[in-house]
Amino acid sequence: MSDAAIDASGADPTMASTPDAPIAQALEGDGRATPRLRLESVSLTLGGRRVVDGVSASLHGGTWVAVVGPNGAGKSSLLSLLAGLRRPDAGEVRLEGRALSEWPIAERARRVAWLAQQGETEGDIAARDVVALGRLPHHGLFGAPGPEDREAVEAAMRETECAAFATRRLGALSGGERQRVLLARALAVRSSVLLLDEPTAHLDAPHQSALVRSVAHRAAAGAAVAVVLHDLTLALAADRVWLMDGGRLCLDAASDDPALHDALVAVFDGAIAIERLDRDGRVRHLVRPLI
């Protein structure tokens, strides 16, 4: 768990205050009044165990949500339902007010970008080509990428600092380098929904902070973002936090809500402490393990 305190807004003081125009233009509709994604009493059973149990929640444009909880709480399973990778046993997932299962795959892929917990670890394909796969929903398998596609790929690689090894093969990269390439692929989609499952795996502290800034930037541009995180300090930089335990959504609250902090301490059996820090007028929260 990182000891670095993160600005609760996730904002980067060096980043422009207005979203990038290409990102903003890629988003359809506002998404703040009507949820981009909505879980309606959703349940999922895997291996005879109820891993998601009656969850209802909304993911709105302009907001990024951190999904947290103990191991086995159902975080990754919940995200896979949002991405449409699994169908619920009960309940429904709705994308922009329409059942997720009713969307054509290509249209859904343009709207929902996904980074899995376990991405590719080998491959005889150049990093830039991996990132370019994120543009396939926009031009199709046999369509030729245009200037907008190439610009999106280059921008995503600059943002994740992987342009320097753009021509290297995926299998030759370190774990952190691969993770940045796969993150760039998700960002290159420029979707209205961004779902990331443990994206900080293998990343060092500077790149973890950079990821938080990228996520906040996407939300500022109008995207709806949900990120599964184990690092609670990073999670408390989100706009909202979904606290999972035993497959249930225990709490959906603003990251600075004292009730959330109390619930986190309870769910983690009092093994953590949350400190509120005020530095230069900016509120931060720091989570420390109690030893």
Protein backbone atom coordinates (compact mmCIF):
# COMPACT_ATOMS: atom_id res chain seq x y z
CA MET A 1 0.00 0.00 0.00
CA SER A 2 1.45 3.37 -1.01
CA ASP A 3 2.28 5.89 1.72
CA ALA A 4 2.00 8.79 -0.74
CA ALA A 5 -0.95 11.05 0.06
CA ILE A 6 -3.08 11.83 -2.99
CA ASP A 7 -5.18 14.92 -3.62
CA ALA A 8 -8.77 13.84 -2.92
CA SER A 9 -9.90 15.33 -6.23
CA GLY A 10 -7.32 13.35 -8.18
CA ALA A 11 -6.42 16.60 -9.94
CA ASP A 12 -2.98 17.41 -11.27
CA PRO A 13 -2.11 21.10 -10.79
CA THR A 14 0.03 20.98 -13.94
CA MET A 15 -2.80 19.59 -16.09
CA ALA A 16 -4.99 21.90 -18.14
CA SER A 17 -8.25 22.78 -16.43
CA THR A 18 -10.34 21.92 -19.50
CA PRO A 19 -10.63 18.39 -20.93
CA ASP A 20 -8.92 17.50 -24.19
CA ALA A 21 -11.28 18.28 -27.05
CA PRO A 22 -10.88 14.86 -28.77
CA ILE A 23 -11.85 13.08 -25.55
CA ALA A 24 -14.83 15.33 -24.89
CA GLN A 25 -16.05 15.01 -28.48
CA ALA A 26 -15.93 11.22 -28.26
CA LEU A 27 -18.47 11.15 -25.42
CA GLU A 28 -22.11 10.95 -26.42
CA GLY A 29 -24.63 12.68 -24.17
CA ASP A 30 -24.03 14.16 -20.76
CA GLY A 31 -24.34 11.02 -18.62
CA ARG A 32 -24.71 12.98 -15.41
CA ALA A 33 -28.51 12.85 -15.11
CA THR A 34 -29.03 9.43 -16.72
CA PRO A 35 -26.43 6.89 -15.57
CA ARG A 36 -23.99 5.63 -18.16
CA LEU A 37 -24.23 2.23 -16.47
CA ARG A 38 -26.78 0.99 -13.98
CA LEU A 39 -26.82 -2.22 -11.92
CA GLU A 40 -30.35 -3.22 -10.94
CA SER A 41 -30.51 -5.87 -8.18
CA VAL A 42 -27.74 -7.82 -9.90
CA SER A 43 -26.53 -11.19 -8.60
CA LEU A 44 -23.93 -13.64 -9.90
CA THR A 45 -22.98 -17.14 -8.76
CA LEU A 46 -19.63 -18.71 -9.68
CA GLY A 47 -18.50 -22.15 -8.57
CA GLY A 48 -21.53 -22.52 -6.35
CA ARG A 49 -20.78 -19.29 -4.47
CA ARG A 50 -22.77 -16.05 -4.68
CA VAL A 51 -19.99 -13.60 -5.61
CA VAL A 52 -22.31 -10.65 -6.32
CA ASP A 53 -25.43 -10.47 -4.24
CA GLY A 54 -28.30 -8.11 -5.11
CA VAL A 55 -26.22 -5.07 -6.02
CA SER A 56 -27.88 -1.88 -7.25
CA ALA A 57 -25.70 1.11 -8.18
CA SER A 58 -25.28 3.79 -10.82
CA LEU A 59 -22.16 4.95 -12.65
CA HIS A 60 -22.57 8.51 -13.94
CA GLY A 61 -20.63 10.51 -16.48
CA GLY A 62 -18.17 12.98 -14.99
CA THR A 63 -17.51 10.69 -12.01
CA TRP A 64 -14.88 8.14 -11.15
CA VAL A 65 -15.64 5.45 -8.65
CA ALA A 66 -13.12 3.33 -6.75
CA VAL A 67 -14.33 -0.21 -6.01
CA VAL A 68 -12.72 -1.53 -2.83
CA GLY A 69 -13.08 -4.33 -0.33
CA PRO A 70 -11.29 -7.37 1.12
CA ASN A 71 -10.05 -10.23 -1.04
CA GLY A 72 -13.01 -12.23 -2.36
CA ALA A 73 -15.46 -9.36 -1.81
CA GLY A 74 -16.75 -9.57 -5.40
CA LYS A 75 -15.01 -6.48 -6.83
CA SER A 76 -13.69 -8.03 -10.05
CA SER A 77 -16.89 -10.00 -10.58
CA LEU A 78 -18.90 -6.80 -10.28
CA LEU A 79 -16.70 -5.07 -12.85
CA SER A 80 -17.02 -8.01 -15.25
CA LEU A 81 -20.81 -7.63 -15.06
CA LEU A 82 -20.52 -3.91 -15.84
CA ALA A 83 -18.32 -4.74 -18.83
CA GLY A 84 -20.76 -7.34 -20.12
CA LEU A 85 -18.22 -10.16 -19.85
CA ARG A 86 -20.62 -12.11 -17.65
CA ARG A 87 -24.39 -12.19 -17.54
CA PRO A 88 -26.05 -11.90 -14.14
CA ASP A 89 -28.10 -14.75 -12.71
CA ALA A 90 -30.65 -12.18 -11.57
CA GLY A 91 -31.20 -8.50 -12.15
CA GLU A 92 -30.04 -6.40 -15.08
CA VAL A 93 -27.18 -4.17 -16.20
CA ARG A 94 -28.23 -1.18 -18.28
CA LEU A 95 -26.00 0.92 -20.54
CA GLU A 96 -27.38 4.40 -21.23
CA GLY A 97 -30.82 3.19 -20.17
CA ARG A 98 -30.82 0.11 -22.41
CA ALA A 99 -30.17 -3.47 -21.32
CA LEU A 100 -26.48 -4.20 -21.83
CA SER A 101 -27.28 -7.52 -23.51
CA GLU A 102 -29.30 -5.71 -26.21
CA TRP A 103 -26.36 -3.66 -27.47
CA PRO A 104 -24.54 -4.88 -30.59
CA ILE A 105 -21.02 -5.89 -29.60
CA ALA A 106 -19.30 -3.26 -31.76
CA GLU A 107 -21.44 -0.42 -30.41
CA ARG A 108 -20.90 -1.57 -26.84
CA ALA A 109 -17.15 -1.78 -27.40
CA ARG A 110 -17.09 1.84 -28.56
CA ARG A 111 -18.83 2.93 -25.38
CA VAL A 112 -17.21 0.68 -22.77
CA ALA A 113 -13.44 0.21 -22.51
CA TRP A 114 -12.11 -2.53 -20.23
CA LEU A 115 -8.77 -3.38 -18.68
CA ALA A 116 -8.75 -6.87 -17.17
CA GLN A 117 -6.95 -7.81 -13.98
CA GLN A 118 -4.82 -10.34 -15.85
CA GLY A 119 -3.79 -8.88 -19.19
CA GLU A 120 -1.61 -10.45 -21.85
CA THR A 121 1.89 -11.20 -20.56
CA GLU A 122 3.42 -12.49 -23.77
CA GLY A 123 3.08 -11.78 -27.44
CA ASP A 124 5.01 -11.24 -30.62
CA ILE A 125 3.34 -7.91 -31.31
CA ALA A 126 4.76 -4.41 -30.96
CA ALA A 127 3.54 -2.22 -28.11
CA ARG A 128 2.15 0.39 -30.52
CA ASP A 129 0.13 -2.31 -32.30
CA VAL A 130 -1.30 -3.49 -28.98
CA VAL A 131 -2.47 0.04 -28.21
CA ALA A 132 -3.92 0.35 -31.72
CA LEU A 133 -6.23 -2.59 -30.95
CA GLY A 134 -8.19 -0.17 -28.79
CA ARG A 135 -9.32 1.59 -31.97
CA LEU A 136 -10.78 -1.53 -33.62
CA PRO A 137 -14.35 -0.80 -32.44
CA HIS A 138 -14.21 2.47 -34.37
CA HIS A 139 -12.98 1.25 -37.77
CA GLY A 140 -13.55 -2.52 -37.69
CA LEU A 141 -11.18 -5.42 -38.26
CA PHE A 142 -10.78 -4.77 -41.97
CA GLY A 143 -11.17 -1.00 -41.97
CA ALA A 144 -8.15 1.24 -42.35
CA PRO A 145 -7.28 3.39 -39.34
CA GLY A 146 -7.57 7.11 -40.02
CA PRO A 147 -5.83 10.21 -38.62
CA GLU A 148 -8.13 10.25 -35.57
CA ASP A 149 -7.20 6.65 -34.75
CA ARG A 150 -3.48 7.33 -35.06
CA GLU A 151 -3.76 10.47 -32.94
CA ALA A 152 -5.67 8.59 -30.23
CA VAL A 153 -2.99 5.87 -30.11
CA GLU A 154 -0.10 8.32 -29.91
CA ALA A 155 -1.86 10.43 -27.27
CA ALA A 156 -2.59 7.38 -25.09
CA MET A 157 1.02 6.22 -25.34
CA ARG A 158 2.32 9.64 -24.35
CA GLU A 159 -0.10 9.75 -21.43
CA THR A 160 1.08 6.39 -20.09
CA GLU A 161 4.74 7.06 -20.93
CA CYS A 162 5.16 4.02 -23.15
CA ALA A 163 6.03 5.79 -26.42
CA ALA A 164 9.72 5.16 -25.77
CA PHE A 165 9.24 1.40 -26.28
CA ALA A 166 6.52 1.58 -28.95
CA THR A 167 8.35 -0.80 -31.30
CA ARG A 168 9.34 -3.37 -28.68
CA ARG A 169 7.43 -6.65 -28.48
CA LEU A 170 4.94 -7.08 -25.67
CA GLY A 171 6.63 -10.25 -24.41
CA ALA A 172 9.94 -8.42 -24.03
CA LEU A 173 8.56 -5.76 -21.68
CA SER A 174 8.67 -5.72 -17.90
CA GLY A 175 5.47 -6.18 -15.92
CA GLY A 176 5.08 -2.45 -15.34
CA GLU A 177 5.77 -1.63 -18.99
CA ARG A 178 3.20 -4.17 -20.17
CA GLN A 179 0.64 -2.76 -17.77
CA ARG A 180 1.17 0.76 -19.14
CA VAL A 181 0.75 -0.52 -22.72
CA LEU A 182 -2.51 -2.30 -21.84
CA LEU A 183 -3.75 0.81 -20.01
CA ALA A 184 -2.91 2.88 -23.10
CA ARG A 185 -4.99 0.48 -25.19
CA ALA A 186 -8.01 1.09 -22.94
CA LEU A 187 -7.48 4.86 -23.00
CA ALA A 188 -7.14 4.88 -26.80
CA VAL A 189 -10.75 3.73 -27.16
CA ARG A 190 -11.88 7.15 -25.88
CA SER A 191 -15.06 5.57 -24.60
CA SER A 192 -17.79 7.08 -22.48
CA VAL A 193 -17.23 4.34 -19.86
CA LEU A 194 -13.83 3.20 -18.60
CA LEU A 195 -13.56 0.08 -16.40
CA LEU A 196 -10.18 -0.82 -14.92
CA ASP A 197 -9.56 -3.89 -12.77
CA GLU A 198 -6.51 -3.42 -10.53
CA PRO A 199 -4.70 -1.20 -13.06
CA THR A 200 -1.94 -0.27 -10.59
CA ALA A 201 -0.57 -3.85 -10.55
CA HIS A 202 3.17 -3.82 -11.36
CA LEU A 203 3.27 0.00 -11.46
CA ASP A 204 5.75 1.99 -9.39
CA ALA A 205 4.57 4.91 -7.24
CA PRO A 206 5.06 7.67 -9.87
CA HIS A 207 3.09 5.71 -12.47
CA GLN A 208 0.37 4.92 -9.93
CA SER A 209 -0.05 8.64 -9.33
CA ALA A 210 -0.02 9.26 -13.09
CA LEU A 211 -2.79 6.70 -13.50
CA VAL A 212 -4.92 8.50 -10.90
CA ARG A 213 -4.43 11.74 -12.83
CA SER A 214 -5.40 10.03 -16.10
CA VAL A 215 -8.55 8.60 -14.54
CA ALA A 216 -9.52 11.96 -13.05
CA HIS A 217 -8.88 13.61 -16.41
CA ARG A 218 -11.19 11.15 -18.21
CA ALA A 219 -13.93 11.80 -15.65
CA ALA A 220 -13.46 15.57 -16.01
CA ALA A 221 -14.03 15.11 -19.75
CA GLY A 222 -17.40 13.47 -19.01
CA ALA A 223 -16.56 9.77 -18.89
CA ALA A 224 -17.89 7.40 -16.24
CA VAL A 225 -14.98 5.53 -14.65
CA ALA A 226 -14.90 2.57 -12.25
CA VAL A 227 -11.58 1.27 -10.93
CA VAL A 228 -10.94 -1.73 -8.69
CA LEU A 229 -8.15 -0.79 -6.28
CA HIS A 230 -6.42 -2.44 -3.36
CA ASP A 231 -4.50 0.69 -2.37
CA LEU A 232 -7.01 2.56 -0.22
CA THR A 233 -5.00 5.79 -0.29
CA LEU A 234 -5.34 5.85 -4.06
CA ALA A 235 -9.01 4.86 -3.78
CA LEU A 236 -9.78 7.85 -1.57
CA ALA A 237 -8.68 10.12 -4.41
CA ALA A 238 -11.83 9.03 -6.28
CA ASP A 239 -15.08 11.01 -6.40
CA ARG A 240 -17.00 8.11 -4.87
CA VAL A 241 -16.18 4.73 -3.35
CA TRP A 242 -18.12 1.51 -3.64
CA LEU A 243 -17.28 -0.66 -0.62
CA MET A 244 -17.85 -4.37 -1.29
CA ASP A 245 -17.87 -7.21 1.24
CA GLY A 246 -19.19 -10.73 0.82
CA GLY A 247 -20.61 -9.95 -2.61
CA ARG A 248 -22.73 -7.09 -1.31
CA LEU A 249 -22.36 -3.36 -1.84
CA CYS A 250 -22.01 -2.17 1.75
CA LEU A 251 -21.77 1.51 0.97
CA ASP A 252 -21.73 3.90 -1.99
CA ALA A 253 -20.41 7.20 -0.68
CA ALA A 254 -18.29 10.25 -1.44
CA SER A 255 -14.63 9.57 -0.74
CA ASP A 256 -14.49 12.22 2.02
CA ASP A 257 -17.61 10.95 3.83
CA PRO A 258 -16.72 10.10 7.46
CA ALA A 259 -19.29 7.27 7.33
CA LEU A 260 -17.25 5.67 4.54
CA HIS A 261 -14.06 5.95 6.57
CA ASP A 262 -15.76 4.29 9.54
CA ALA A 263 -17.10 1.54 7.27
CA LEU A 264 -13.65 0.91 5.76
CA VAL A 265 -12.12 0.50 9.21
CA ALA A 266 -14.92 -1.91 10.17
CA VAL A 267 -14.73 -4.01 7.01
CA PHE A 268 -10.96 -4.33 7.36
CA ASP A 269 -11.37 -5.38 11.02
CA GLY A 270 -9.74 -2.28 12.46
CA ALA A 271 -6.43 -3.09 10.76
CA ILE A 272 -6.20 0.34 9.08
CA ALA A 273 -6.30 3.98 10.11
CA ILE A 274 -7.39 6.87 7.89
CA GLU A 275 -5.82 10.29 8.38
CA ARG A 276 -7.17 13.54 6.97
CA LEU A 277 -4.40 15.89 5.93
CA ASP A 278 -4.71 19.54 4.92
CA ARG A 279 -1.75 20.84 2.96
CA ASP A 280 -1.74 24.09 1.02
CA GLY A 281 -5.52 24.16 1.20
CA ARG A 282 -5.87 20.75 -0.48
CA VAL A 283 -7.49 17.87 1.38
CA ARG A 284 -5.83 14.48 1.23
CA HIS A 285 -6.52 11.16 2.90
CA LEU A 286 -3.82 8.74 3.90
CA VAL A 287 -4.55 5.12 4.82
CA ARG A 288 -2.02 3.38 7.04
CA PRO A 289 -1.97 -0.26 8.15
CA LEU A 290 -1.94 -0.76 11.89
CA ILE A 291 0.90 -3.10 12.89
